[in-house]
Amino acid sequence: MTDTYKVEAEVLERSRQWIQDFNNKNVKGCVDAYTADAVMNARPMGTYKGIGEIEGFWKPFIETGAAELEYSNVEVAVENENTVLLRADWKMNIGKGVVIQERWVKQSDGKWLLEYDDFEVQEQY
């Protein structure tokens, strides 16, 4: 039986760490949160496949001064002890939008990594 509360808490903590890395301009920390073959759909900018393309998106984006990322209305769905889906609204200093789905997958070493990331920019400031 899955300890849903524990799994949810682990993923929420990992998500908070990603947001902290983003706000601290820690590109490596952000990119290291993805699996090697992750897919990131950044609407309307495009789809990025694999760690290299994902880094190619986040590095220049973070370097432009994007910061102050906050999630709200967070919803977590535990599919099983190794897969958790997260959705949320987000805002930062340069815009706002929605996280349609983050799929966090627990690795054999116990770390939670993003296998799929689908978000939309709905407004830019």
N, C-alpha and C. Protein backbone atom coordinates (compact mmCIF):
# COMPACT_ATOMS: atom_id res chain seq x y z
N MET A 1 0.84 -1.19 0.00
CA MET A 1 0.00 0.00 0.00
C MET A 1 0.88 1.25 0.00
N THR A 2 0.50 2.21 -0.79
CA THR A 2 1.26 3.45 -0.92
C THR A 2 0.94 4.38 0.25
N ASP A 3 1.97 4.93 0.85
CA ASP A 3 1.78 5.95 1.87
C ASP A 3 1.62 7.28 1.14
N THR A 4 0.39 7.57 0.73
CA THR A 4 0.08 8.73 -0.11
C THR A 4 0.59 10.03 0.50
N TYR A 5 0.39 10.20 1.79
CA TYR A 5 0.81 11.44 2.45
C TYR A 5 2.32 11.64 2.34
N LYS A 6 3.08 10.57 2.59
CA LYS A 6 4.55 10.66 2.53
C LYS A 6 5.02 10.97 1.11
N VAL A 7 4.46 10.27 0.13
CA VAL A 7 4.84 10.48 -1.27
C VAL A 7 4.52 11.91 -1.69
N GLU A 8 3.33 12.37 -1.34
CA GLU A 8 2.92 13.74 -1.68
C GLU A 8 3.87 14.75 -1.04
N ALA A 9 4.21 14.55 0.22
CA ALA A 9 5.10 15.48 0.93
C ALA A 9 6.49 15.51 0.27
N GLU A 10 6.99 14.36 -0.15
CA GLU A 10 8.30 14.31 -0.81
C GLU A 10 8.29 15.11 -2.11
N VAL A 11 7.24 14.95 -2.89
CA VAL A 11 7.17 15.66 -4.18
C VAL A 11 6.97 17.16 -3.96
N LEU A 12 6.15 17.53 -3.01
CA LEU A 12 5.97 18.96 -2.73
C LEU A 12 7.28 19.59 -2.28
N GLU A 13 8.06 18.87 -1.49
CA GLU A 13 9.36 19.39 -1.06
C GLU A 13 10.30 19.51 -2.26
N ARG A 14 10.30 18.53 -3.13
CA ARG A 14 11.17 18.58 -4.33
C ARG A 14 10.74 19.73 -5.25
N SER A 15 9.45 19.95 -5.37
CA SER A 15 8.93 21.07 -6.17
C SER A 15 9.37 22.41 -5.57
N ARG A 16 9.29 22.52 -4.24
CA ARG A 16 9.74 23.75 -3.56
C ARG A 16 11.23 23.98 -3.81
N GLN A 17 12.01 22.91 -3.82
CA GLN A 17 13.45 23.03 -4.09
C GLN A 17 13.68 23.54 -5.51
N TRP A 18 12.92 23.05 -6.47
CA TRP A 18 13.06 23.51 -7.86
C TRP A 18 12.75 25.01 -7.95
N ILE A 19 11.67 25.42 -7.29
CA ILE A 19 11.30 26.84 -7.30
C ILE A 19 12.40 27.67 -6.65
N GLN A 20 12.97 27.19 -5.56
CA GLN A 20 14.06 27.89 -4.89
C GLN A 20 15.28 27.98 -5.81
N ASP A 21 15.62 26.89 -6.49
CA ASP A 21 16.74 26.92 -7.44
C ASP A 21 16.47 27.95 -8.54
N PHE A 22 15.26 27.97 -9.05
CA PHE A 22 14.90 28.94 -10.09
C PHE A 22 15.09 30.37 -9.58
N ASN A 23 14.54 30.65 -8.41
CA ASN A 23 14.62 32.01 -7.86
C ASN A 23 16.04 32.41 -7.48
N ASN A 24 16.89 31.42 -7.22
CA ASN A 24 18.31 31.69 -6.90
C ASN A 24 19.19 31.66 -8.15
N LYS A 25 18.55 31.56 -9.32
CA LYS A 25 19.26 31.53 -10.61
C LYS A 25 20.23 30.35 -10.71
N ASN A 26 19.86 29.24 -10.07
CA ASN A 26 20.65 28.02 -10.09
C ASN A 26 20.18 27.15 -11.26
N VAL A 27 20.69 27.47 -12.46
CA VAL A 27 20.26 26.76 -13.66
C VAL A 27 20.55 25.26 -13.53
N LYS A 28 21.73 24.91 -13.03
CA LYS A 28 22.09 23.50 -12.88
C LYS A 28 21.10 22.77 -11.98
N GLY A 29 20.73 23.39 -10.88
CA GLY A 29 19.76 22.78 -9.98
C GLY A 29 18.42 22.55 -10.66
N CYS A 30 17.99 23.51 -11.47
CA CYS A 30 16.72 23.37 -12.20
C CYS A 30 16.81 22.23 -13.21
N VAL A 31 17.87 22.23 -13.99
CA VAL A 31 18.02 21.23 -15.05
C VAL A 31 18.22 19.83 -14.47
N ASP A 32 18.95 19.74 -13.36
CA ASP A 32 19.19 18.44 -12.73
C ASP A 32 17.92 17.82 -12.17
N ALA A 33 16.82 18.56 -12.14
CA ALA A 33 15.55 18.04 -11.65
C ALA A 33 14.81 17.23 -12.72
N TYR A 34 15.35 17.20 -13.94
CA TYR A 34 14.71 16.48 -15.04
C TYR A 34 15.43 15.16 -15.31
N THR A 35 14.67 14.17 -15.77
CA THR A 35 15.29 12.93 -16.23
C THR A 35 16.03 13.22 -17.53
N ALA A 36 16.96 12.37 -17.90
CA ALA A 36 17.78 12.59 -19.10
C ALA A 36 16.94 12.70 -20.37
N ASP A 37 15.83 11.97 -20.41
CA ASP A 37 14.99 11.98 -21.61
C ASP A 37 13.64 12.67 -21.38
N ALA A 38 13.59 13.58 -20.42
CA ALA A 38 12.36 14.29 -20.10
C ALA A 38 11.83 15.07 -21.31
N VAL A 39 10.54 15.35 -21.28
CA VAL A 39 9.90 16.19 -22.28
C VAL A 39 9.28 17.38 -21.54
N MET A 40 9.57 18.58 -22.06
CA MET A 40 9.01 19.79 -21.48
C MET A 40 8.25 20.54 -22.58
N ASN A 41 6.98 20.75 -22.33
CA ASN A 41 6.14 21.50 -23.25
C ASN A 41 5.91 22.87 -22.64
N ALA A 42 6.57 23.88 -23.20
CA ALA A 42 6.49 25.26 -22.70
C ALA A 42 5.62 26.04 -23.69
N ARG A 43 4.34 26.14 -23.39
CA ARG A 43 3.40 26.79 -24.30
C ARG A 43 3.47 28.31 -24.14
N PRO A 44 3.58 29.11 -25.16
CA PRO A 44 3.54 28.77 -26.58
C PRO A 44 4.93 28.65 -27.22
N MET A 45 5.99 28.59 -26.43
CA MET A 45 7.35 28.63 -26.97
C MET A 45 7.75 27.37 -27.73
N GLY A 46 7.32 26.21 -27.25
CA GLY A 46 7.67 24.99 -27.96
C GLY A 46 7.84 23.80 -27.03
N THR A 47 8.24 22.68 -27.62
CA THR A 47 8.48 21.44 -26.89
C THR A 47 9.97 21.14 -26.91
N TYR A 48 10.49 20.76 -25.75
CA TYR A 48 11.93 20.52 -25.58
C TYR A 48 12.09 19.09 -25.08
N LYS A 49 12.94 18.34 -25.78
CA LYS A 49 13.11 16.92 -25.45
C LYS A 49 14.55 16.65 -25.04
N GLY A 50 14.70 16.06 -23.88
CA GLY A 50 16.02 15.72 -23.38
C GLY A 50 16.64 16.86 -22.60
N ILE A 51 17.58 16.50 -21.78
CA ILE A 51 18.19 17.44 -20.84
C ILE A 51 18.89 18.60 -21.55
N GLY A 52 19.51 18.34 -22.69
CA GLY A 52 20.21 19.40 -23.42
C GLY A 52 19.27 20.48 -23.91
N GLU A 53 18.16 20.08 -24.52
CA GLU A 53 17.19 21.06 -25.00
C GLU A 53 16.53 21.79 -23.85
N ILE A 54 16.25 21.09 -22.76
CA ILE A 54 15.62 21.71 -21.60
C ILE A 54 16.55 22.75 -21.00
N GLU A 55 17.84 22.42 -20.89
CA GLU A 55 18.80 23.41 -20.39
C GLU A 55 18.88 24.59 -21.35
N GLY A 56 18.80 24.32 -22.65
CA GLY A 56 18.82 25.39 -23.65
C GLY A 56 17.64 26.34 -23.53
N PHE A 57 16.56 25.88 -22.93
CA PHE A 57 15.42 26.77 -22.65
C PHE A 57 15.64 27.53 -21.34
N TRP A 58 15.93 26.81 -20.25
CA TRP A 58 15.97 27.44 -18.93
C TRP A 58 17.14 28.40 -18.74
N LYS A 59 18.31 28.04 -19.25
CA LYS A 59 19.49 28.89 -19.00
C LYS A 59 19.28 30.32 -19.48
N PRO A 60 18.96 30.56 -20.76
CA PRO A 60 18.77 31.94 -21.18
C PRO A 60 17.54 32.59 -20.54
N PHE A 61 16.51 31.81 -20.27
CA PHE A 61 15.31 32.36 -19.65
C PHE A 61 15.62 32.89 -18.25
N ILE A 62 16.31 32.10 -17.47
CA ILE A 62 16.68 32.53 -16.11
C ILE A 62 17.65 33.71 -16.18
N GLU A 63 18.55 33.68 -17.13
CA GLU A 63 19.54 34.76 -17.25
C GLU A 63 18.92 36.09 -17.67
N THR A 64 17.70 36.08 -18.23
CA THR A 64 17.05 37.34 -18.60
C THR A 64 16.55 38.10 -17.38
N GLY A 65 16.56 37.46 -16.22
CA GLY A 65 16.10 38.13 -15.00
C GLY A 65 14.79 37.59 -14.46
N ALA A 66 14.27 36.54 -15.06
CA ALA A 66 13.06 35.92 -14.54
C ALA A 66 13.32 35.44 -13.11
N ALA A 67 12.41 35.78 -12.20
CA ALA A 67 12.59 35.43 -10.79
C ALA A 67 11.25 35.56 -10.06
N GLU A 68 11.31 35.39 -8.76
CA GLU A 68 10.14 35.55 -7.89
C GLU A 68 9.02 34.58 -8.25
N LEU A 69 9.40 33.37 -8.69
CA LEU A 69 8.42 32.35 -9.04
C LEU A 69 7.68 31.88 -7.79
N GLU A 70 6.37 31.81 -7.91
CA GLU A 70 5.52 31.28 -6.85
C GLU A 70 4.46 30.41 -7.47
N TYR A 71 4.16 29.29 -6.81
CA TYR A 71 3.04 28.43 -7.21
C TYR A 71 1.88 28.71 -6.26
N SER A 72 0.66 28.61 -6.78
CA SER A 72 -0.54 28.69 -5.94
C SER A 72 -1.56 27.68 -6.46
N ASN A 73 -2.58 27.44 -5.67
CA ASN A 73 -3.63 26.48 -6.05
C ASN A 73 -3.04 25.15 -6.50
N VAL A 74 -2.06 24.69 -5.75
CA VAL A 74 -1.35 23.46 -6.09
C VAL A 74 -2.25 22.25 -5.84
N GLU A 75 -2.30 21.36 -6.83
CA GLU A 75 -3.02 20.10 -6.71
C GLU A 75 -2.05 18.97 -7.00
N VAL A 76 -2.07 17.95 -6.15
CA VAL A 76 -1.18 16.81 -6.30
C VAL A 76 -2.02 15.54 -6.40
N ALA A 77 -1.68 14.72 -7.38
CA ALA A 77 -2.37 13.43 -7.55
C ALA A 77 -1.31 12.33 -7.51
N VAL A 78 -1.36 11.50 -6.49
CA VAL A 78 -0.43 10.38 -6.36
C VAL A 78 -0.98 9.22 -7.18
N GLU A 79 -0.28 8.90 -8.28
CA GLU A 79 -0.71 7.77 -9.11
C GLU A 79 -0.30 6.46 -8.47
N ASN A 80 0.92 6.43 -7.93
CA ASN A 80 1.43 5.27 -7.20
C ASN A 80 2.66 5.74 -6.43
N GLU A 81 3.35 4.82 -5.77
CA GLU A 81 4.48 5.23 -4.92
C GLU A 81 5.64 5.82 -5.70
N ASN A 82 5.64 5.70 -7.02
CA ASN A 82 6.74 6.20 -7.83
C ASN A 82 6.35 7.28 -8.84
N THR A 83 5.09 7.65 -8.92
CA THR A 83 4.64 8.64 -9.90
C THR A 83 3.62 9.58 -9.28
N VAL A 84 3.92 10.87 -9.39
CA VAL A 84 3.02 11.89 -8.84
C VAL A 84 2.83 12.99 -9.88
N LEU A 85 1.59 13.41 -10.04
CA LEU A 85 1.25 14.50 -10.95
C LEU A 85 0.96 15.75 -10.14
N LEU A 86 1.46 16.88 -10.63
CA LEU A 86 1.25 18.16 -9.94
C LEU A 86 0.74 19.16 -10.95
N ARG A 87 -0.22 19.97 -10.53
CA ARG A 87 -0.68 21.10 -11.33
C ARG A 87 -0.77 22.31 -10.41
N ALA A 88 -0.66 23.50 -10.99
CA ALA A 88 -0.69 24.71 -10.17
C ALA A 88 -0.83 25.92 -11.07
N ASP A 89 -1.19 27.02 -10.46
CA ASP A 89 -1.06 28.32 -11.10
C ASP A 89 0.32 28.84 -10.71
N TRP A 90 0.92 29.64 -11.57
CA TRP A 90 2.22 30.21 -11.24
C TRP A 90 2.25 31.68 -11.63
N LYS A 91 3.12 32.41 -10.93
CA LYS A 91 3.38 33.80 -11.30
C LYS A 91 4.82 34.10 -10.96
N MET A 92 5.37 35.08 -11.66
CA MET A 92 6.72 35.56 -11.39
C MET A 92 6.79 37.02 -11.80
N ASN A 93 7.97 37.59 -11.72
CA ASN A 93 8.12 39.01 -11.99
C ASN A 93 7.85 39.38 -13.45
N ILE A 94 7.87 38.42 -14.36
CA ILE A 94 7.69 38.77 -15.78
C ILE A 94 6.45 38.15 -16.41
N GLY A 95 5.63 37.47 -15.62
CA GLY A 95 4.43 36.89 -16.21
C GLY A 95 3.74 35.94 -15.27
N LYS A 96 2.69 35.30 -15.82
CA LYS A 96 1.95 34.31 -15.04
C LYS A 96 1.36 33.29 -15.99
N GLY A 97 0.94 32.17 -15.40
CA GLY A 97 0.37 31.12 -16.22
C GLY A 97 -0.08 29.95 -15.37
N VAL A 98 -0.02 28.78 -15.99
CA VAL A 98 -0.50 27.58 -15.31
C VAL A 98 0.44 26.42 -15.60
N VAL A 99 0.67 25.61 -14.58
CA VAL A 99 1.34 24.33 -14.76
C VAL A 99 0.22 23.34 -15.05
N ILE A 100 0.19 22.87 -16.29
CA ILE A 100 -0.85 21.93 -16.70
C ILE A 100 -0.57 20.57 -16.07
N GLN A 101 0.71 20.14 -16.16
CA GLN A 101 1.10 18.88 -15.51
C GLN A 101 2.61 18.79 -15.37
N GLU A 102 3.03 18.50 -14.15
CA GLU A 102 4.40 18.04 -13.90
C GLU A 102 4.26 16.57 -13.50
N ARG A 103 5.00 15.71 -14.17
CA ARG A 103 5.01 14.29 -13.79
C ARG A 103 6.34 14.01 -13.11
N TRP A 104 6.28 13.84 -11.81
CA TRP A 104 7.46 13.54 -11.00
C TRP A 104 7.55 12.02 -10.84
N VAL A 105 8.73 11.48 -11.11
CA VAL A 105 8.94 10.04 -11.05
C VAL A 105 10.11 9.75 -10.10
N LYS A 106 9.88 8.82 -9.17
CA LYS A 106 10.91 8.46 -8.20
C LYS A 106 11.93 7.53 -8.87
N GLN A 107 13.19 7.90 -8.76
CA GLN A 107 14.28 7.13 -9.35
C GLN A 107 14.73 6.03 -8.39
N SER A 108 15.54 5.11 -8.89
CA SER A 108 16.00 3.99 -8.07
C SER A 108 16.82 4.44 -6.87
N ASP A 109 17.42 5.65 -6.96
CA ASP A 109 18.20 6.18 -5.83
C ASP A 109 17.33 6.97 -4.85
N GLY A 110 16.01 7.00 -5.10
CA GLY A 110 15.09 7.69 -4.20
C GLY A 110 14.81 9.13 -4.56
N LYS A 111 15.53 9.69 -5.54
CA LYS A 111 15.32 11.08 -5.93
C LYS A 111 14.09 11.19 -6.83
N TRP A 112 13.36 12.28 -6.67
CA TRP A 112 12.22 12.58 -7.52
C TRP A 112 12.68 13.49 -8.65
N LEU A 113 12.41 13.09 -9.89
CA LEU A 113 12.79 13.88 -11.05
C LEU A 113 11.58 14.10 -11.96
N LEU A 114 11.63 15.18 -12.70
CA LEU A 114 10.58 15.49 -13.66
C LEU A 114 10.79 14.69 -14.94
N GLU A 115 9.79 13.91 -15.29
CA GLU A 115 9.82 13.15 -16.53
C GLU A 115 9.05 13.89 -17.62
N TYR A 116 8.08 14.69 -17.19
CA TYR A 116 7.24 15.44 -18.11
C TYR A 116 6.84 16.74 -17.43
N ASP A 117 6.92 17.84 -18.18
CA ASP A 117 6.63 19.17 -17.64
C ASP A 117 5.84 19.92 -18.72
N ASP A 118 4.62 20.27 -18.42
CA ASP A 118 3.75 20.94 -19.38
C ASP A 118 3.18 22.18 -18.72
N PHE A 119 3.60 23.36 -19.20
CA PHE A 119 3.11 24.60 -18.61
C PHE A 119 2.82 25.62 -19.69
N GLU A 120 2.03 26.62 -19.31
CA GLU A 120 1.62 27.63 -20.25
C GLU A 120 1.85 29.02 -19.67
N VAL A 121 2.40 29.90 -20.51
CA VAL A 121 2.50 31.32 -20.17
C VAL A 121 1.21 31.96 -20.67
N GLN A 122 0.44 32.52 -19.75
CA GLN A 122 -0.84 33.10 -20.13
C GLN A 122 -0.78 34.63 -20.22
N GLU A 123 0.20 35.21 -19.54
CA GLU A 123 0.33 36.67 -19.57
C GLU A 123 1.78 37.02 -19.31
N GLN A 124 2.30 37.96 -20.08
CA GLN A 124 3.66 38.46 -19.87
C GLN A 124 3.58 39.92 -19.46
N TYR A 125 4.45 40.33 -18.55
CA TYR A 125 4.48 41.73 -18.10
C TYR A 125 5.66 42.43 -18.74
